[in-house]
Amino acid sequence: MGNSDYVVLGGKKYYRTTAPILSEKRWAEMENLVKDSIHADTILEFVLCIGSYEEIIRGKAFLLNETLRSFLVNHRVVMAKEIVEIRYPENRIQLELDLELEAEKYEW
């Protein structure tokens, strides 16, 4: 990859990407996947297109606003038009433990 394919910010590499067109079918698939993860109480991984660069966030997702097509993931609003992909993380058990430990830091 050439230097123009990624940018380094804060020591992290962000790769170039493009957001797909948000069709009704694509929205319905995303909405169903998030609803299934809510019922199963599982973590999802969101690949986002932010300013033409890829960003990955992980966490339990909640349907925030169906009209605006947005989700809440780790206290962050994610708009459906920013989502490149939603997937289950490779190592779900470790991620769940990491998130529980992170959550315990904030509980006093």
C-alpha atoms as a PDB file:
ATOM      1  CA  MET A   1       0.000   0.000   0.000  1.00  0.00           C
ATOM      2  CA  GLY A   2       1.205   3.444  -0.821  1.00  0.00           C
ATOM      3  CA  ASN A   3       1.267   6.280   1.653  1.00  0.00           C
ATOM      4  CA  SER A   4      -1.924   7.733   0.167  1.00  0.00           C
ATOM      5  CA  ASP A   5      -3.920   4.644   1.217  1.00  0.00           C
ATOM      6  CA  TYR A   6      -3.755   5.443   4.920  1.00  0.00           C
ATOM      7  CA  VAL A   7      -3.121   8.229   7.393  1.00  0.00           C
ATOM      8  CA  VAL A   8      -1.571   7.957  10.853  1.00  0.00           C
ATOM      9  CA  LEU A   9      -3.342   9.907  13.599  1.00  0.00           C
ATOM     10  CA  GLY A  10      -2.495   9.509  17.250  1.00  0.00           C
ATOM     11  CA  GLY A  11      -0.300   6.512  16.455  1.00  0.00           C
ATOM     12  CA  LYS A  12      -3.173   4.635  14.755  1.00  0.00           C
ATOM     13  CA  LYS A  13      -3.392   3.831  11.050  1.00  0.00           C
ATOM     14  CA  TYR A  14      -6.652   4.692   9.332  1.00  0.00           C
ATOM     15  CA  TYR A  15      -7.092   3.100   5.891  1.00  0.00           C
ATOM     16  CA  ARG A  16      -8.949   4.735   2.999  1.00  0.00           C
ATOM     17  CA  THR A  17     -12.421   3.398   2.356  1.00  0.00           C
ATOM     18  CA  THR A  18     -15.720   4.420   0.825  1.00  0.00           C
ATOM     19  CA  ALA A  19     -19.159   4.198   2.357  1.00  0.00           C
ATOM     20  CA  PRO A  20     -21.654   2.119   0.398  1.00  0.00           C
ATOM     21  CA  ILE A  21     -25.007   3.513  -0.672  1.00  0.00           C
ATOM     22  CA  LEU A  22     -27.610   3.096   2.050  1.00  0.00           C
ATOM     23  CA  SER A  23     -30.554   1.322   0.436  1.00  0.00           C
ATOM     24  CA  GLU A  24     -33.751   0.235   2.189  1.00  0.00           C
ATOM     25  CA  LYS A  25     -32.593  -3.393   1.957  1.00  0.00           C
ATOM     26  CA  ARG A  26     -29.187  -2.582   3.462  1.00  0.00           C
ATOM     27  CA  TRP A  27     -30.791  -0.606   6.306  1.00  0.00           C
ATOM     28  CA  ALA A  28     -33.168  -3.492   7.059  1.00  0.00           C
ATOM     29  CA  GLU A  29     -30.239  -5.941   7.189  1.00  0.00           C
ATOM     30  CA  MET A  30     -28.268  -3.684   9.550  1.00  0.00           C
ATOM     31  CA  GLU A  31     -31.305  -3.071  11.734  1.00  0.00           C
ATOM     32  CA  ASN A  32     -32.021  -6.817  11.988  1.00  0.00           C
ATOM     33  CA  LEU A  33     -28.400  -7.631  12.858  1.00  0.00           C
ATOM     34  CA  VAL A  34     -28.371  -4.998  15.619  1.00  0.00           C
ATOM     35  CA  LYS A  35     -31.743  -6.148  16.978  1.00  0.00           C
ATOM     36  CA  ASP A  36     -30.494  -9.771  17.010  1.00  0.00           C
ATOM     37  CA  SER A  37     -27.352  -8.713  18.884  1.00  0.00           C
ATOM     38  CA  ILE A  38     -29.484  -6.825  21.433  1.00  0.00           C
ATOM     39  CA  HIS A  39     -31.636  -9.905  22.069  1.00  0.00           C
ATOM     40  CA  ALA A  40     -28.548 -12.143  22.296  1.00  0.00           C
ATOM     41  CA  ASP A  41     -26.670  -9.526  24.387  1.00  0.00           C
ATOM     42  CA  THR A  42     -23.594  -9.754  22.154  1.00  0.00           C
ATOM     43  CA  ILE A  43     -20.921  -7.380  20.938  1.00  0.00           C
ATOM     44  CA  LEU A  44     -20.668  -6.178  17.358  1.00  0.00           C
ATOM     45  CA  GLU A  45     -17.838  -4.603  15.414  1.00  0.00           C
ATOM     46  CA  PHE A  46     -18.687  -1.614  13.221  1.00  0.00           C
ATOM     47  CA  VAL A  47     -16.425  -0.631  10.330  1.00  0.00           C
ATOM     48  CA  LEU A  48     -17.122   3.037   9.629  1.00  0.00           C
ATOM     49  CA  CYS A  49     -16.175   5.419   6.859  1.00  0.00           C
ATOM     50  CA  ILE A  50     -15.221   8.680   8.565  1.00  0.00           C
ATOM     51  CA  GLY A  51     -13.795  11.357   6.270  1.00  0.00           C
ATOM     52  CA  SER A  52     -12.893   8.731   3.627  1.00  0.00           C
ATOM     53  CA  TYR A  53     -10.975   6.688   6.207  1.00  0.00           C
ATOM     54  CA  GLU A  54     -11.904   3.447   7.969  1.00  0.00           C
ATOM     55  CA  GLU A  55     -12.519   3.401  11.705  1.00  0.00           C
ATOM     56  CA  ILE A  56     -13.493   0.322  13.705  1.00  0.00           C
ATOM     57  CA  ILE A  57     -15.496   0.495  16.915  1.00  0.00           C
ATOM     58  CA  ARG A  58     -16.671  -2.413  19.021  1.00  0.00           C
ATOM     59  CA  GLY A  59     -19.379  -2.744  21.609  1.00  0.00           C
ATOM     60  CA  LYS A  60     -22.974  -3.533  22.359  1.00  0.00           C
ATOM     61  CA  ALA A  61     -25.188  -1.671  19.949  1.00  0.00           C
ATOM     62  CA  PHE A  62     -28.575  -0.146  20.628  1.00  0.00           C
ATOM     63  CA  LEU A  63     -31.078   1.122  18.099  1.00  0.00           C
ATOM     64  CA  LEU A  64     -31.141   4.827  18.868  1.00  0.00           C
ATOM     65  CA  ASN A  65     -33.372   6.388  16.244  1.00  0.00           C
ATOM     66  CA  GLU A  66     -35.061   4.504  13.430  1.00  0.00           C
ATOM     67  CA  THR A  67     -36.064   7.696  11.619  1.00  0.00           C
ATOM     68  CA  LEU A  68     -32.512   9.062  11.601  1.00  0.00           C
ATOM     69  CA  ARG A  69     -31.127   5.544  11.080  1.00  0.00           C
ATOM     70  CA  SER A  70     -28.666   5.672  13.916  1.00  0.00           C
ATOM     71  CA  PHE A  71     -27.263   3.352  16.575  1.00  0.00           C
ATOM     72  CA  LEU A  72     -25.598   3.947  19.911  1.00  0.00           C
ATOM     73  CA  VAL A  73     -22.317   2.047  20.334  1.00  0.00           C
ATOM     74  CA  ASN A  74     -20.066   2.659  23.350  1.00  0.00           C
ATOM     75  CA  HIS A  75     -21.656   6.048  24.081  1.00  0.00           C
ATOM     76  CA  ARG A  76     -21.168   7.106  20.454  1.00  0.00           C
ATOM     77  CA  VAL A  77     -23.875   7.813  17.900  1.00  0.00           C
ATOM     78  CA  VAL A  78     -23.226   5.919  14.661  1.00  0.00           C
ATOM     79  CA  MET A  79     -25.179   6.945  11.598  1.00  0.00           C
ATOM     80  CA  ALA A  80     -26.109   4.148   9.185  1.00  0.00           C
ATOM     81  CA  LYS A  81     -24.702   6.108   6.245  1.00  0.00           C
ATOM     82  CA  GLU A  82     -21.217   5.880   7.857  1.00  0.00           C
ATOM     83  CA  ILE A  83     -21.303   2.071   8.196  1.00  0.00           C
ATOM     84  CA  VAL A  84     -19.241   0.052   5.752  1.00  0.00           C
ATOM     85  CA  GLU A  85     -19.738  -3.265   7.553  1.00  0.00           C
ATOM     86  CA  ILE A  86     -21.183  -4.733  10.747  1.00  0.00           C
ATOM     87  CA  ARG A  87     -19.751  -8.037  11.935  1.00  0.00           C
ATOM     88  CA  TYR A  88     -19.272 -10.208  14.954  1.00  0.00           C
ATOM     89  CA  PRO A  89     -15.717  -9.807  16.318  1.00  0.00           C
ATOM     90  CA  GLU A  90     -13.221 -12.625  15.769  1.00  0.00           C
ATOM     91  CA  ASN A  91     -12.523 -13.167  19.448  1.00  0.00           C
ATOM     92  CA  ARG A  92     -15.866 -12.363  21.075  1.00  0.00           C
ATOM     93  CA  ILE A  93     -15.084 -13.761  24.527  1.00  0.00           C
ATOM     94  CA  GLN A  94     -11.925 -11.678  24.983  1.00  0.00           C
ATOM     95  CA  LEU A  95     -13.677  -8.558  23.709  1.00  0.00           C
ATOM     96  CA  GLU A  96     -16.561  -9.060  26.137  1.00  0.00           C
ATOM     97  CA  LEU A  97     -14.103  -9.408  29.016  1.00  0.00           C
ATOM     98  CA  ASP A  98     -12.231  -6.278  27.906  1.00  0.00           C
ATOM     99  CA  LEU A  99     -15.472  -4.301  27.709  1.00  0.00           C
ATOM    100  CA  GLU A 100     -16.583  -5.531  31.141  1.00  0.00           C
ATOM    101  CA  LEU A 101     -13.252  -4.461  32.626  1.00  0.00           C
ATOM    102  CA  GLU A 102     -13.547  -1.088  30.903  1.00  0.00           C
ATOM    103  CA  ALA A 103     -17.085  -0.653  32.246  1.00  0.00           C
ATOM    104  CA  GLU A 104     -15.945  -1.515  35.778  1.00  0.00           C
ATOM    105  CA  LYS A 105     -13.447   1.373  35.633  1.00  0.00           C
ATOM    106  CA  TYR A 106     -16.374   3.790  35.332  1.00  0.00           C
ATOM    107  CA  GLU A 107     -18.467   2.223  38.089  1.00  0.00           C
ATOM    108  CA  TRP A 108     -17.688   3.792  41.433  1.00  0.00           C
END
